[in-house]
C-alpha atoms as a PDB file:
ATOM      1  CA  MET A   1     -25.039  37.208 -33.047  1.00  0.00           C
ATOM      2  CA  SER A   2     -22.223  35.533 -33.964  1.00  0.00           C
ATOM      3  CA  LEU A   3     -21.993  32.161 -37.221  1.00  0.00           C
ATOM      4  CA  SER A   4     -21.142  30.230 -34.621  1.00  0.00           C
ATOM      5  CA  THR A   5     -24.123  30.440 -32.114  1.00  0.00           C
ATOM      6  CA  GLN A   6     -26.464  31.101 -34.783  1.00  0.00           C
ATOM      7  CA  SER A   7     -28.603  28.291 -36.622  1.00  0.00           C
ATOM      8  CA  MET A   8     -27.202  27.525 -40.418  1.00  0.00           C
ATOM      9  CA  LEU A   9     -30.095  27.016 -42.870  1.00  0.00           C
ATOM     10  CA  LYS A  10     -29.120  23.839 -45.220  1.00  0.00           C
ATOM     11  CA  LEU A  11     -30.403  22.532 -48.788  1.00  0.00           C
ATOM     12  CA  ILE A  12     -31.151  18.723 -48.711  1.00  0.00           C
ATOM     13  CA  ARG A  13     -31.103  17.752 -52.523  1.00  0.00           C
ATOM     14  CA  CYS A  14     -31.719  14.496 -53.160  1.00  0.00           C
ATOM     15  CA  VAL A  15     -32.270  12.221 -56.454  1.00  0.00           C
ATOM     16  CA  ILE A  16     -34.544   8.850 -56.551  1.00  0.00           C
ATOM     17  CA  PRO A  17     -35.857   6.617 -58.413  1.00  0.00           C
ATOM     18  CA  LEU A  18     -39.231   7.211 -59.869  1.00  0.00           C
ATOM     19  CA  GLU A  19     -40.756   4.264 -58.438  1.00  0.00           C
ATOM     20  CA  SER A  20     -40.041   5.302 -54.368  1.00  0.00           C
ATOM     21  CA  TRP A  21     -40.544   9.013 -54.867  1.00  0.00           C
ATOM     22  CA  GLU A  22     -44.224   9.212 -53.835  1.00  0.00           C
ATOM     23  CA  THR A  23     -43.321   7.227 -50.733  1.00  0.00           C
ATOM     24  CA  VAL A  24     -40.305   9.590 -49.961  1.00  0.00           C
ATOM     25  CA  LEU A  25     -42.491  12.801 -50.496  1.00  0.00           C
ATOM     26  CA  SER A  26     -45.240  11.349 -48.122  1.00  0.00           C
ATOM     27  CA  SER A  27     -42.656  10.883 -45.475  1.00  0.00           C
ATOM     28  CA  VAL A  28     -41.181  14.405 -45.777  1.00  0.00           C
ATOM     29  CA  VAL A  29     -44.324  16.629 -45.885  1.00  0.00           C
ATOM     30  CA  SER A  30     -45.462  13.890 -42.397  1.00  0.00           C
ATOM     31  CA  LEU A  31     -42.296  15.957 -41.119  1.00  0.00           C
ATOM     32  CA  GLU A  32     -44.057  20.005 -42.131  1.00  0.00           C
ATOM     33  CA  ALA A  33     -41.305  20.642 -44.366  1.00  0.00           C
ATOM     34  CA  GLY A  34     -41.686  22.334 -47.589  1.00  0.00           C
ATOM     35  CA  VAL A  35     -40.180  20.111 -50.786  1.00  0.00           C
ATOM     36  CA  THR A  36     -39.745  21.362 -54.365  1.00  0.00           C
ATOM     37  CA  ALA A  37     -39.742  18.457 -56.778  1.00  0.00           C
ATOM     38  CA  TYR A  38     -39.057  18.302 -59.956  1.00  0.00           C
ATOM     39  CA  ASP A  39     -38.153  15.117 -62.787  1.00  0.00           C
ATOM     40  CA  ALA A  40     -34.608  14.294 -64.040  1.00  0.00           C
ATOM     41  CA  ARG A  41     -32.487  11.940 -65.694  1.00  0.00           C
ATOM     42  CA  ASP A  42     -30.348   9.858 -64.245  1.00  0.00           C
ATOM     43  CA  ILE A  43     -26.956   8.717 -66.084  1.00  0.00           C
ATOM     44  CA  ASP A  44     -26.150   4.754 -65.061  1.00  0.00           C
ATOM     45  CA  ARG A  45     -22.403   4.577 -66.313  1.00  0.00           C
ATOM     46  CA  SER A  46     -22.662   0.934 -65.996  1.00  0.00           C
ATOM     47  CA  ARG A  47     -25.707   0.350 -68.067  1.00  0.00           C
ATOM     48  CA  ARG A  48     -25.232   0.813 -71.716  1.00  0.00           C
ATOM     49  CA  GLY A  49     -27.423   0.025 -74.639  1.00  0.00           C
ATOM     50  CA  VAL A  50     -27.230  -0.583 -78.468  1.00  0.00           C
ATOM     51  CA  TYR A  51     -29.131   1.139 -81.286  1.00  0.00           C
ATOM     52  CA  ARG A  52     -28.170  -0.055 -84.769  1.00  0.00           C
ATOM     53  CA  GLY A  53     -24.619  -0.786 -83.273  1.00  0.00           C
ATOM     54  CA  TYR A  54     -24.075   2.235 -82.027  1.00  0.00           C
ATOM     55  CA  GLU A  55     -23.731   2.019 -78.468  1.00  0.00           C
ATOM     56  CA  TYR A  56     -25.183   4.585 -75.875  1.00  0.00           C
ATOM     57  CA  GLN A  57     -25.480   5.494 -72.393  1.00  0.00           C
ATOM     58  CA  VAL A  58     -28.887   4.882 -70.809  1.00  0.00           C
ATOM     59  CA  ALA A  59     -31.077   7.866 -68.913  1.00  0.00           C
ATOM     60  CA  LEU A  60     -32.791   6.361 -66.486  1.00  0.00           C
ATOM     61  CA  PRO A  61     -36.522   8.795 -64.856  1.00  0.00           C
ATOM     62  CA  ALA A  62     -35.411   9.764 -61.587  1.00  0.00           C
ATOM     63  CA  MET A  63     -36.919  13.262 -59.450  1.00  0.00           C
ATOM     64  CA  VAL A  64     -35.175  15.504 -57.603  1.00  0.00           C
ATOM     65  CA  MET A  65     -36.502  17.093 -54.660  1.00  0.00           C
ATOM     66  CA  GLU A  66     -35.092  19.999 -52.409  1.00  0.00           C
ATOM     67  CA  ILE A  67     -35.923  21.160 -49.174  1.00  0.00           C
ATOM     68  CA  MET A  68     -34.632  23.822 -47.388  1.00  0.00           C
ATOM     69  CA  THR A  69     -34.660  23.699 -43.562  1.00  0.00           C
ATOM     70  CA  ASP A  70     -33.152  24.193 -40.539  1.00  0.00           C
ATOM     71  CA  ASP A  71     -30.101  22.538 -38.983  1.00  0.00           C
ATOM     72  CA  SER A  72     -31.753  21.204 -35.756  1.00  0.00           C
ATOM     73  CA  TRP A  73     -34.119  18.751 -38.427  1.00  0.00           C
ATOM     74  CA  VAL A  74     -31.250  18.134 -40.931  1.00  0.00           C
ATOM     75  CA  CYS A  75     -30.751  14.587 -39.559  1.00  0.00           C
ATOM     76  CA  GLU A  76     -34.659  13.761 -39.157  1.00  0.00           C
ATOM     77  CA  ILE A  77     -35.431  14.532 -42.178  1.00  0.00           C
ATOM     78  CA  ILE A  78     -32.447  11.943 -44.200  1.00  0.00           C
ATOM     79  CA  ALA A  79     -33.774   9.618 -41.667  1.00  0.00           C
ATOM     80  CA  ALA A  80     -37.572   9.681 -43.370  1.00  0.00           C
ATOM     81  CA  ILE A  81     -35.881  10.384 -46.897  1.00  0.00           C
ATOM     82  CA  GLN A  82     -33.738   6.947 -45.820  1.00  0.00           C
ATOM     83  CA  ASN A  83     -36.931   4.953 -44.649  1.00  0.00           C
ATOM     84  CA  ALA A  84     -39.064   5.454 -47.391  1.00  0.00           C
ATOM     85  CA  HIS A  85     -36.414   5.124 -50.193  1.00  0.00           C
ATOM     86  CA  THR A  86     -36.821   1.393 -51.543  1.00  0.00           C
ATOM     87  CA  PHE A  87     -33.784  -0.046 -52.705  1.00  0.00           C
ATOM     88  CA  ASN A  88     -32.832  -0.051 -56.467  1.00  0.00           C
ATOM     89  CA  PRO A  89     -29.440  -0.590 -57.553  1.00  0.00           C
ATOM     90  CA  ALA A  90     -29.665   1.051 -60.919  1.00  0.00           C
ATOM     91  CA  GLY A  91     -27.912   4.838 -61.224  1.00  0.00           C
ATOM     92  CA  SER A  92     -26.230   6.670 -58.700  1.00  0.00           C
ATOM     93  CA  ARG A  93     -28.953   8.424 -55.948  1.00  0.00           C
ATOM     94  CA  VAL A  94     -27.746  10.683 -53.945  1.00  0.00           C
ATOM     95  CA  ILE A  95     -28.531  12.928 -50.766  1.00  0.00           C
ATOM     96  CA  GLU A  96     -26.438  16.131 -51.094  1.00  0.00           C
ATOM     97  CA  ILE A  97     -26.775  18.804 -47.869  1.00  0.00           C
ATOM     98  CA  LEU A  98     -25.823  22.416 -49.142  1.00  0.00           C
ATOM     99  CA  PRO A  99     -25.391  25.333 -46.769  1.00  0.00           C
ATOM    100  CA  VAL A 100     -27.664  28.458 -47.656  1.00  0.00           C
ATOM    101  CA  HIS A 101     -26.276  31.667 -46.622  1.00  0.00           C
ATOM    102  CA  GLU A 102     -28.931  33.728 -47.904  1.00  0.00           C
ATOM    103  CA  SER A 103     -31.904  33.309 -49.685  1.00  0.00           C
ATOM    104  CA  TYR A 104     -34.304  35.745 -51.842  1.00  0.00           C
ATOM    105  CA  ARG A 105     -38.249  35.762 -52.705  1.00  0.00           C
ATOM    106  CA  ILE A 106     -37.886  36.994 -56.512  1.00  0.00           C
ATOM    107  CA  ARG A 107     -41.830  37.906 -55.935  1.00  0.00           C
ATOM    108  CA  ASP A 108     -42.101  40.645 -53.419  1.00  0.00           C
ATOM    109  CA  GLY A 109     -37.719  41.019 -52.321  1.00  0.00           C
ATOM    110  CA  PHE A 110     -37.499  39.420 -49.060  1.00  0.00           C
ATOM    111  CA  MET A 111     -34.515  38.468 -48.034  1.00  0.00           C
ATOM    112  CA  ASP A 112     -34.134  35.480 -45.473  1.00  0.00           C
ATOM    113  CA  ALA A 113     -31.016  35.607 -43.959  1.00  0.00           C
ATOM    114  CA  PRO A 114     -29.919  33.525 -40.977  1.00  0.00           C
END
């Protein structure tokens, strides 16, 4: 089978604010997509703090969600994320779509190649 006719796996990684991650998570899980979520810090370059005369960048709390899916579900998952996300202008929130060529399970060595 050639790569052009074969469906590719995609990794959707999105950084969302801590306030809206539960609604985004429930909307993605309603599409029956598997989700890995972990916390992170998002550096807001426009927001600066001053402590005892020293200036520093403010790290805002954020959640990173990773979803591995087939090409056919990418548009639906992105639409669900955008509809559930509450707008928060602070910080740089992002949705990235990355191609996945192979994936391996560490536990039993199973290889999932599209």
